[in-house]
Every structure is written in C-alpha cells, then in structure tokens.
Amino acid sequence: RDTNIHIKFVTNTTKESRKTLHERLRKIGFELEAHEIFSSLSAAANYVEKEKLNPMYLLSEDARSDFGATDPQRELDAVVVGLAPSEFYYENLNKAFHLLIANKNNRLVAIHQGKYYKRKDGLALGPGAFIKGLEYAASVNSVLIGKPNEYFFKSAIPEGICPEECVMIGDDPNDDVAGAMKLGLKGIQVKTGKYLPNITVTEQPTVIVENFSEAVDWIIKSNLN
C-alpha cells in the first residue's frame, strides 16, 4: 500500500464466508477491509444469481450465508459444491446424484476442485474427489468457478485493470500460479503452506520465493506498480 500497489486477498476457501474470513484475518493482524477479500464463494454466488439458479448446496453453514435463499416454490436445478466435509456423506451425495440425472439441464457447479487442503494434522482430501465422483456417476461436466478457472481471476480483477498489470502470490503451483498466468498475470510461487517441491506443474512460475515477505519484496523491486 505504501508503494501505491492495490491489494486483494483472493482465496479458494469455501468453508468460511467472507465475513468470517475478514474477522479471522483481522484477529491475526491483517489490516484490510472486507471488500478487499474475494473468494470463490463470492464468484459462485455471483454466478448463481446471474444464471438464476435454485441449487442444492453442499456447503458448510457459514459458507452458505454468502448465498441467497433457495426458493421452495421452485424445483432445484443445480448442485453447488464446496469444501464441506460434514456434508459429504452417502445420503447427501446420492441426493445430488439424483438431482443431476433428473434433468439434463441441471448443473453441477464446482466452486473449486482442489485435490487436498492443509489442516493442522497435515493434508486432507479436498472437494475435487467428490465432484469428480458426481461427474462420473451422473455423466455430466461440472462448471468450475474457483481457481484455476479464468472466470475466477477475471472476476477478481477490478474493472479497468489489465491482467498484465497484476501479480498473483500463491502456495499452489497449479490452482494459484498457473491459473493466474494463463490469463496473463505474473505468478509468484511461495514455498509455504501446501507447497510440495516435487509436484508436477502445468506452467513454470515467474519466480519462486521462500515466503510471502520475499514475494512482496520482489514485487516492489520489480516496479510492477
């Protein structure tokens, strides 16, 4: 901010609403406003509203608060899936399966297809496996909303700003870095979080650094502003 670089915190997190994310980040010392947070939930809620969908949600209760109410007078016409471990049980997934095969126009909306995420006890299975399972069983293709989809990054960039003027810092080489670079952003890979040194990457990052602090220093020194 001191160098006049605008900041946006973008995340594929689908367990927490923007309000909860904002409160948590403030508690650990981040100085930011709620409007500076853009999550895949934000992008998905915009998509549901734009497409006038009436979905079944496989989301946590908190994440669900970022979306409008389901209309009980209308048939359900979509399944929206995020990271919701407590929702991924057989009866729920079977209900989603039946909804998808009931009408060929019903949509499977994948907020993101992460293979895994990091918890205190290590890496844990992400929503991608459940989304792929529904795709396979119902013979449908999901609509991907979150990273690494181009839709997500386009939605996060303010109007009037070119992708080439932006840089993405991330710990996931494919969802964060490669996804952003495909749209034209520069991509900085940090060796923290869920970074694994031997993972196969779809695109080489602009630069690899040890941590977030080094990423910020690189941006300032590169005069990207």
C-alpha atoms as a PDB file:
ATOM      1  CA  ARG A   1       0.000   0.000   0.000  1.00  0.00           C
ATOM      2  CA  ASP A   2       2.860   2.383   0.815  1.00  0.00           C
ATOM      3  CA  THR A   3       4.100   1.967  -2.775  1.00  0.00           C
ATOM      4  CA  ASN A   4       0.602   2.568  -4.188  1.00  0.00           C
ATOM      5  CA  ILE A   5       0.070  -1.086  -5.109  1.00  0.00           C
ATOM      6  CA  HIS A   6      -3.549  -2.161  -4.702  1.00  0.00           C
ATOM      7  CA  ILE A   7      -4.106  -5.398  -2.799  1.00  0.00           C
ATOM      8  CA  LYS A   8      -6.801  -8.044  -2.979  1.00  0.00           C
ATOM      9  CA  PHE A   9      -6.866 -11.227  -0.922  1.00  0.00           C
ATOM     10  CA  VAL A  10      -8.170 -13.977  -3.204  1.00  0.00           C
ATOM     11  CA  THR A  11      -8.901 -17.451  -1.923  1.00  0.00           C
ATOM     12  CA  ASN A  12     -10.480 -20.738  -2.916  1.00  0.00           C
ATOM     13  CA  THR A  13     -11.572 -21.262   0.680  1.00  0.00           C
ATOM     14  CA  THR A  14     -15.160 -22.476   0.650  1.00  0.00           C
ATOM     15  CA  LYS A  15     -15.664 -23.367   4.313  1.00  0.00           C
ATOM     16  CA  GLU A  16     -15.918 -19.782   5.555  1.00  0.00           C
ATOM     17  CA  SER A  17     -17.999 -16.793   4.499  1.00  0.00           C
ATOM     18  CA  ARG A  18     -16.327 -13.511   3.588  1.00  0.00           C
ATOM     19  CA  LYS A  19     -17.477 -12.052   6.924  1.00  0.00           C
ATOM     20  CA  THR A  20     -15.804 -14.873   8.870  1.00  0.00           C
ATOM     21  CA  LEU A  21     -12.634 -14.650   6.777  1.00  0.00           C
ATOM     22  CA  HIS A  22     -12.440 -10.903   7.371  1.00  0.00           C
ATOM     23  CA  GLU A  23     -12.835 -11.312  11.129  1.00  0.00           C
ATOM     24  CA  ARG A  24     -10.219 -14.079  11.277  1.00  0.00           C
ATOM     25  CA  LEU A  25      -7.647 -12.143   9.235  1.00  0.00           C
ATOM     26  CA  ARG A  26      -8.148  -9.030  11.364  1.00  0.00           C
ATOM     27  CA  LYS A  27      -7.604 -11.057  14.535  1.00  0.00           C
ATOM     28  CA  ILE A  28      -4.210 -12.307  13.347  1.00  0.00           C
ATOM     29  CA  GLY A  29      -3.028  -8.824  12.439  1.00  0.00           C
ATOM     30  CA  PHE A  30      -4.008  -8.166   8.819  1.00  0.00           C
ATOM     31  CA  GLU A  31      -5.173  -4.622   8.164  1.00  0.00           C
ATOM     32  CA  LEU A  32      -7.781  -4.977   5.444  1.00  0.00           C
ATOM     33  CA  GLU A  33     -11.363  -4.164   4.568  1.00  0.00           C
ATOM     34  CA  ALA A  34     -14.000  -6.786   3.754  1.00  0.00           C
ATOM     35  CA  HIS A  35     -14.196  -5.570   0.144  1.00  0.00           C
ATOM     36  CA  GLU A  36     -10.507  -6.459  -0.295  1.00  0.00           C
ATOM     37  CA  ILE A  37     -11.378 -10.152   0.094  1.00  0.00           C
ATOM     38  CA  PHE A  38     -12.552 -12.059  -2.979  1.00  0.00           C
ATOM     39  CA  SER A  39     -13.297 -15.731  -2.517  1.00  0.00           C
ATOM     40  CA  SER A  40     -14.519 -18.467  -4.797  1.00  0.00           C
ATOM     41  CA  LEU A  41     -17.740 -18.267  -2.757  1.00  0.00           C
ATOM     42  CA  SER A  42     -18.102 -14.649  -3.925  1.00  0.00           C
ATOM     43  CA  ALA A  43     -17.640 -15.721  -7.545  1.00  0.00           C
ATOM     44  CA  ALA A  44     -20.039 -18.650  -7.154  1.00  0.00           C
ATOM     45  CA  ALA A  45     -22.745 -16.516  -5.517  1.00  0.00           C
ATOM     46  CA  ASN A  46     -22.480 -14.064  -8.421  1.00  0.00           C
ATOM     47  CA  TYR A  47     -22.765 -16.954 -10.888  1.00  0.00           C
ATOM     48  CA  VAL A  48     -25.841 -18.451  -9.177  1.00  0.00           C
ATOM     49  CA  GLU A  49     -27.551 -15.051  -9.141  1.00  0.00           C
ATOM     50  CA  LYS A  50     -26.633 -14.254 -12.756  1.00  0.00           C
ATOM     51  CA  GLU A  51     -27.838 -17.649 -14.009  1.00  0.00           C
ATOM     52  CA  LYS A  52     -30.976 -17.531 -11.792  1.00  0.00           C
ATOM     53  CA  LEU A  53     -30.259 -20.985 -10.369  1.00  0.00           C
ATOM     54  CA  ASN A  54     -32.076 -22.637  -7.461  1.00  0.00           C
ATOM     55  CA  PRO A  55     -29.428 -25.016  -6.140  1.00  0.00           C
ATOM     56  CA  MET A  56     -28.920 -27.744  -3.626  1.00  0.00           C
ATOM     57  CA  TYR A  57     -25.839 -26.689  -1.652  1.00  0.00           C
ATOM     58  CA  LEU A  58     -23.086 -28.996  -0.426  1.00  0.00           C
ATOM     59  CA  LEU A  59     -21.526 -26.255   1.693  1.00  0.00           C
ATOM     60  CA  SER A  60     -20.824 -25.519   5.335  1.00  0.00           C
ATOM     61  CA  GLU A  61     -23.468 -23.488   7.152  1.00  0.00           C
ATOM     62  CA  ASP A  62     -21.159 -20.469   7.324  1.00  0.00           C
ATOM     63  CA  ALA A  63     -20.288 -20.615   3.609  1.00  0.00           C
ATOM     64  CA  ARG A  64     -23.970 -20.946   2.779  1.00  0.00           C
ATOM     65  CA  SER A  65     -24.553 -17.462   4.263  1.00  0.00           C
ATOM     66  CA  ASP A  66     -22.795 -15.886   1.250  1.00  0.00           C
ATOM     67  CA  PHE A  67     -25.645 -17.089  -0.988  1.00  0.00           C
ATOM     68  CA  GLY A  68     -29.285 -16.103  -1.334  1.00  0.00           C
ATOM     69  CA  ALA A  69     -32.168 -18.236  -0.112  1.00  0.00           C
ATOM     70  CA  THR A  70     -33.323 -21.298  -2.034  1.00  0.00           C
ATOM     71  CA  ASP A  71     -36.848 -20.836  -3.429  1.00  0.00           C
ATOM     72  CA  PRO A  72     -39.080 -23.609  -2.003  1.00  0.00           C
ATOM     73  CA  GLN A  73     -41.669 -22.934  -4.735  1.00  0.00           C
ATOM     74  CA  ARG A  74     -39.208 -23.905  -7.499  1.00  0.00           C
ATOM     75  CA  GLU A  75     -37.621 -27.196  -8.437  1.00  0.00           C
ATOM     76  CA  LEU A  76     -33.942 -27.496  -7.601  1.00  0.00           C
ATOM     77  CA  ASP A  77     -31.906 -27.158 -10.788  1.00  0.00           C
ATOM     78  CA  ALA A  78     -28.257 -27.278  -9.705  1.00  0.00           C
ATOM     79  CA  VAL A  79     -25.820 -28.719  -7.181  1.00  0.00           C
ATOM     80  CA  VAL A  80     -23.236 -26.303  -5.768  1.00  0.00           C
ATOM     81  CA  VAL A  81     -20.222 -27.996  -4.171  1.00  0.00           C
ATOM     82  CA  GLY A  82     -17.511 -26.503  -1.984  1.00  0.00           C
ATOM     83  CA  LEU A  83     -15.307 -27.828   0.804  1.00  0.00           C
ATOM     84  CA  ALA A  84     -17.810 -29.216   3.295  1.00  0.00           C
ATOM     85  CA  PRO A  85     -16.530 -32.423   4.948  1.00  0.00           C
ATOM     86  CA  SER A  86     -19.641 -32.781   7.116  1.00  0.00           C
ATOM     87  CA  GLU A  87     -21.865 -32.717   4.006  1.00  0.00           C
ATOM     88  CA  PHE A  88     -20.039 -35.421   2.037  1.00  0.00           C
ATOM     89  CA  TYR A  89     -21.971 -38.432   3.321  1.00  0.00           C
ATOM     90  CA  TYR A  90     -23.735 -41.046   1.195  1.00  0.00           C
ATOM     91  CA  GLU A  91     -27.337 -39.818   1.501  1.00  0.00           C
ATOM     92  CA  ASN A  92     -26.372 -36.263   0.573  1.00  0.00           C
ATOM     93  CA  LEU A  93     -24.205 -37.282  -2.369  1.00  0.00           C
ATOM     94  CA  ASN A  94     -26.903 -39.670  -3.577  1.00  0.00           C
ATOM     95  CA  LYS A  95     -29.474 -36.856  -3.416  1.00  0.00           C
ATOM     96  CA  ALA A  96     -27.137 -34.684  -5.501  1.00  0.00           C
ATOM     97  CA  PHE A  97     -26.682 -37.547  -7.970  1.00  0.00           C
ATOM     98  CA  HIS A  98     -30.452 -37.968  -8.414  1.00  0.00           C
ATOM     99  CA  LEU A  99     -30.916 -34.228  -8.901  1.00  0.00           C
ATOM    100  CA  LEU A 100     -28.313 -34.213 -11.668  1.00  0.00           C
ATOM    101  CA  ILE A 101     -29.791 -37.162 -13.560  1.00  0.00           C
ATOM    102  CA  ALA A 102     -33.375 -35.882 -13.194  1.00  0.00           C
ATOM    103  CA  ASN A 103     -32.868 -33.245 -15.898  1.00  0.00           C
ATOM    104  CA  LYS A 104     -30.028 -32.957 -18.399  1.00  0.00           C
ATOM    105  CA  ASN A 105     -30.090 -29.161 -17.947  1.00  0.00           C
ATOM    106  CA  ASN A 106     -29.414 -29.341 -14.205  1.00  0.00           C
ATOM    107  CA  ARG A 107     -25.903 -28.112 -13.429  1.00  0.00           C
ATOM    108  CA  LEU A 108     -23.083 -29.290 -11.229  1.00  0.00           C
ATOM    109  CA  VAL A 109     -21.316 -26.132 -10.028  1.00  0.00           C
ATOM    110  CA  ALA A 110     -17.847 -26.793  -8.621  1.00  0.00           C
ATOM    111  CA  ILE A 111     -16.721 -23.823  -6.555  1.00  0.00           C
ATOM    112  CA  HIS A 112     -13.279 -25.385  -6.788  1.00  0.00           C
ATOM    113  CA  GLN A 113     -11.840 -28.825  -7.490  1.00  0.00           C
ATOM    114  CA  GLY A 114      -8.968 -28.839  -5.024  1.00  0.00           C
ATOM    115  CA  LYS A 115      -7.336 -32.255  -4.582  1.00  0.00           C
ATOM    116  CA  TYR A 116      -6.400 -31.513  -0.994  1.00  0.00           C
ATOM    117  CA  TYR A 117      -6.057 -28.738   1.574  1.00  0.00           C
ATOM    118  CA  LYS A 118      -3.883 -28.194   4.623  1.00  0.00           C
ATOM    119  CA  ARG A 119      -5.134 -28.801   8.170  1.00  0.00           C
ATOM    120  CA  LYS A 120      -3.307 -28.771  11.489  1.00  0.00           C
ATOM    121  CA  ASP A 121      -2.786 -32.531  11.202  1.00  0.00           C
ATOM    122  CA  GLY A 122      -1.465 -32.320   7.627  1.00  0.00           C
ATOM    123  CA  LEU A 123      -3.017 -32.562   4.174  1.00  0.00           C
ATOM    124  CA  ALA A 124      -6.674 -33.608   3.876  1.00  0.00           C
ATOM    125  CA  LEU A 125      -8.886 -34.663   0.976  1.00  0.00           C
ATOM    126  CA  GLY A 126     -10.441 -31.718  -0.871  1.00  0.00           C
ATOM    127  CA  PRO A 127     -13.788 -31.426  -2.705  1.00  0.00           C
ATOM    128  CA  GLY A 128     -12.312 -32.415  -6.078  1.00  0.00           C
ATOM    129  CA  ALA A 129     -12.718 -36.148  -5.449  1.00  0.00           C
ATOM    130  CA  PHE A 130     -16.433 -35.764  -4.659  1.00  0.00           C
ATOM    131  CA  ILE A 131     -17.038 -33.505  -7.654  1.00  0.00           C
ATOM    132  CA  LYS A 132     -15.306 -35.964  -9.989  1.00  0.00           C
ATOM    133  CA  GLY A 133     -17.378 -38.758  -8.465  1.00  0.00           C
ATOM    134  CA  LEU A 134     -20.629 -36.908  -9.225  1.00  0.00           C
ATOM    135  CA  GLU A 135     -19.414 -36.119 -12.748  1.00  0.00           C
ATOM    136  CA  TYR A 136     -18.663 -39.784 -13.362  1.00  0.00           C
ATOM    137  CA  ALA A 137     -21.856 -41.165 -11.832  1.00  0.00           C
ATOM    138  CA  ALA A 138     -24.222 -38.645 -13.451  1.00  0.00           C
ATOM    139  CA  SER A 139     -22.315 -38.377 -16.763  1.00  0.00           C
ATOM    140  CA  VAL A 140     -22.093 -34.585 -16.503  1.00  0.00           C
ATOM    141  CA  ASN A 141     -19.339 -31.989 -16.678  1.00  0.00           C
ATOM    142  CA  SER A 142     -19.087 -29.527 -13.818  1.00  0.00           C
ATOM    143  CA  VAL A 143     -18.973 -25.761 -14.213  1.00  0.00           C
ATOM    144  CA  LEU A 144     -15.764 -24.709 -12.454  1.00  0.00           C
ATOM    145  CA  ILE A 145     -15.950 -21.343 -10.701  1.00  0.00           C
ATOM    146  CA  GLY A 146     -12.879 -21.010  -8.478  1.00  0.00           C
ATOM    147  CA  LYS A 147      -9.163 -21.136  -9.108  1.00  0.00           C
ATOM    148  CA  PRO A 148      -7.636 -22.087 -11.522  1.00  0.00           C
ATOM    149  CA  ASN A 149     -10.585 -21.098 -13.720  1.00  0.00           C
ATOM    150  CA  GLU A 150     -10.161 -17.951 -15.798  1.00  0.00           C
ATOM    151  CA  TYR A 151     -13.645 -16.855 -14.624  1.00  0.00           C
ATOM    152  CA  PHE A 152     -12.374 -16.511 -11.056  1.00  0.00           C
ATOM    153  CA  PHE A 153      -9.357 -14.367 -11.876  1.00  0.00           C
ATOM    154  CA  LYS A 154     -11.331 -12.183 -14.295  1.00  0.00           C
ATOM    155  CA  SER A 155     -13.979 -11.613 -11.621  1.00  0.00           C
ATOM    156  CA  ALA A 156     -11.348 -10.699  -9.019  1.00  0.00           C
ATOM    157  CA  ILE A 157      -9.569  -8.064 -11.139  1.00  0.00           C
ATOM    158  CA  PRO A 158     -11.140  -4.586 -10.786  1.00  0.00           C
ATOM    159  CA  GLU A 159     -12.706  -3.040 -13.867  1.00  0.00           C
ATOM    160  CA  GLY A 160     -10.206  -1.061 -15.931  1.00  0.00           C
ATOM    161  CA  ILE A 161      -7.187  -3.087 -14.784  1.00  0.00           C
ATOM    162  CA  CYS A 162      -5.382  -5.373 -17.259  1.00  0.00           C
ATOM    163  CA  PRO A 163      -4.239  -8.856 -16.156  1.00  0.00           C
ATOM    164  CA  GLU A 164      -0.706  -7.944 -17.235  1.00  0.00           C
ATOM    165  CA  GLU A 165      -0.685  -5.256 -14.527  1.00  0.00           C
ATOM    166  CA  CYS A 166      -1.363  -7.838 -11.810  1.00  0.00           C
ATOM    167  CA  VAL A 167       0.640 -10.443  -9.923  1.00  0.00           C
ATOM    168  CA  MET A 168      -0.615 -13.499  -8.061  1.00  0.00           C
ATOM    169  CA  ILE A 169       1.141 -14.864  -4.964  1.00  0.00           C
ATOM    170  CA  GLY A 170       0.244 -18.434  -4.055  1.00  0.00           C
ATOM    171  CA  ASP A 171       1.319 -21.722  -2.493  1.00  0.00           C
ATOM    172  CA  ASP A 172      -0.481 -23.936  -5.031  1.00  0.00           C
ATOM    173  CA  PRO A 173       1.541 -24.112  -8.271  1.00  0.00           C
ATOM    174  CA  ASN A 174      -1.425 -25.117 -10.418  1.00  0.00           C
ATOM    175  CA  ASP A 175      -4.560 -23.557  -8.886  1.00  0.00           C
ATOM    176  CA  ASP A 176      -2.870 -20.290  -7.834  1.00  0.00           C
ATOM    177  CA  VAL A 177       0.148 -19.656 -10.025  1.00  0.00           C
ATOM    178  CA  ALA A 178      -0.519 -21.440 -13.326  1.00  0.00           C
ATOM    179  CA  GLY A 179      -4.208 -20.469 -13.284  1.00  0.00           C
ATOM    180  CA  ALA A 180      -3.345 -16.786 -12.966  1.00  0.00           C
ATOM    181  CA  MET A 181      -0.534 -16.923 -15.519  1.00  0.00           C
ATOM    182  CA  LYS A 182      -2.825 -18.408 -18.181  1.00  0.00           C
ATOM    183  CA  LEU A 183      -4.833 -15.179 -18.025  1.00  0.00           C
ATOM    184  CA  GLY A 184      -1.703 -13.032 -18.279  1.00  0.00           C
ATOM    185  CA  LEU A 185      -0.873 -12.280 -14.646  1.00  0.00           C
ATOM    186  CA  LYS A 186       2.619 -12.787 -13.269  1.00  0.00           C
ATOM    187  CA  GLY A 187       2.800 -15.705 -10.846  1.00  0.00           C
ATOM    188  CA  ILE A 188       4.897 -15.952  -7.677  1.00  0.00           C
ATOM    189  CA  GLN A 189       5.269 -19.376  -6.068  1.00  0.00           C
ATOM    190  CA  VAL A 190       5.930 -19.364  -2.311  1.00  0.00           C
ATOM    191  CA  LYS A 191       7.446 -22.402  -0.583  1.00  0.00           C
ATOM    192  CA  THR A 192       4.986 -22.297   2.306  1.00  0.00           C
ATOM    193  CA  GLY A 193       1.500 -23.655   3.034  1.00  0.00           C
ATOM    194  CA  LYS A 194       0.678 -26.710   0.938  1.00  0.00           C
ATOM    195  CA  TYR A 195       3.626 -26.280  -1.427  1.00  0.00           C
ATOM    196  CA  LEU A 196       5.317 -29.572  -2.326  1.00  0.00           C
ATOM    197  CA  PRO A 197       8.702 -29.422  -4.125  1.00  0.00           C
ATOM    198  CA  ASN A 198       8.117 -32.461  -6.355  1.00  0.00           C
ATOM    199  CA  ILE A 199       4.601 -31.658  -7.602  1.00  0.00           C
ATOM    200  CA  THR A 200       4.014 -31.642 -11.368  1.00  0.00           C
ATOM    201  CA  VAL A 201       3.309 -28.109 -12.591  1.00  0.00           C
ATOM    202  CA  THR A 202       1.372 -27.064 -15.690  1.00  0.00           C
ATOM    203  CA  GLU A 203       3.293 -23.806 -16.043  1.00  0.00           C
ATOM    204  CA  GLN A 204       6.549 -22.534 -14.583  1.00  0.00           C
ATOM    205  CA  PRO A 205       6.060 -19.566 -12.213  1.00  0.00           C
ATOM    206  CA  THR A 206       7.520 -16.149 -12.922  1.00  0.00           C
ATOM    207  CA  VAL A 207       9.616 -16.561  -9.783  1.00  0.00           C
ATOM    208  CA  ILE A 208       9.870 -18.940  -6.803  1.00  0.00           C
ATOM    209  CA  VAL A 209      10.500 -17.453  -3.348  1.00  0.00           C
ATOM    210  CA  GLU A 210      10.760 -18.808   0.184  1.00  0.00           C
ATOM    211  CA  ASN A 211       7.835 -16.937   1.725  1.00  0.00           C
ATOM    212  CA  PHE A 212       5.262 -14.150   1.423  1.00  0.00           C
ATOM    213  CA  SER A 213       7.687 -11.476   2.631  1.00  0.00           C
ATOM    214  CA  GLU A 214      10.121 -12.302  -0.180  1.00  0.00           C
ATOM    215  CA  ALA A 215       7.244 -12.178  -2.670  1.00  0.00           C
ATOM    216  CA  VAL A 216       6.333  -8.658  -1.553  1.00  0.00           C
ATOM    217  CA  ASP A 217       9.977  -7.560  -1.808  1.00  0.00           C
ATOM    218  CA  TRP A 218      10.183  -8.992  -5.343  1.00  0.00           C
ATOM    219  CA  ILE A 219       7.074  -7.086  -6.432  1.00  0.00           C
ATOM    220  CA  ILE A 220       8.363  -3.778  -5.070  1.00  0.00           C
ATOM    221  CA  LYS A 221      11.832  -4.246  -6.582  1.00  0.00           C
ATOM    222  CA  SER A 222      10.330  -5.205  -9.953  1.00  0.00           C
ATOM    223  CA  ASN A 223       8.398  -1.920 -10.087  1.00  0.00           C
ATOM    224  CA  LEU A 224       5.188  -3.700 -11.052  1.00  0.00           C
ATOM    225  CA  ASN A 225       3.225  -0.711  -9.844  1.00  0.00           C
END
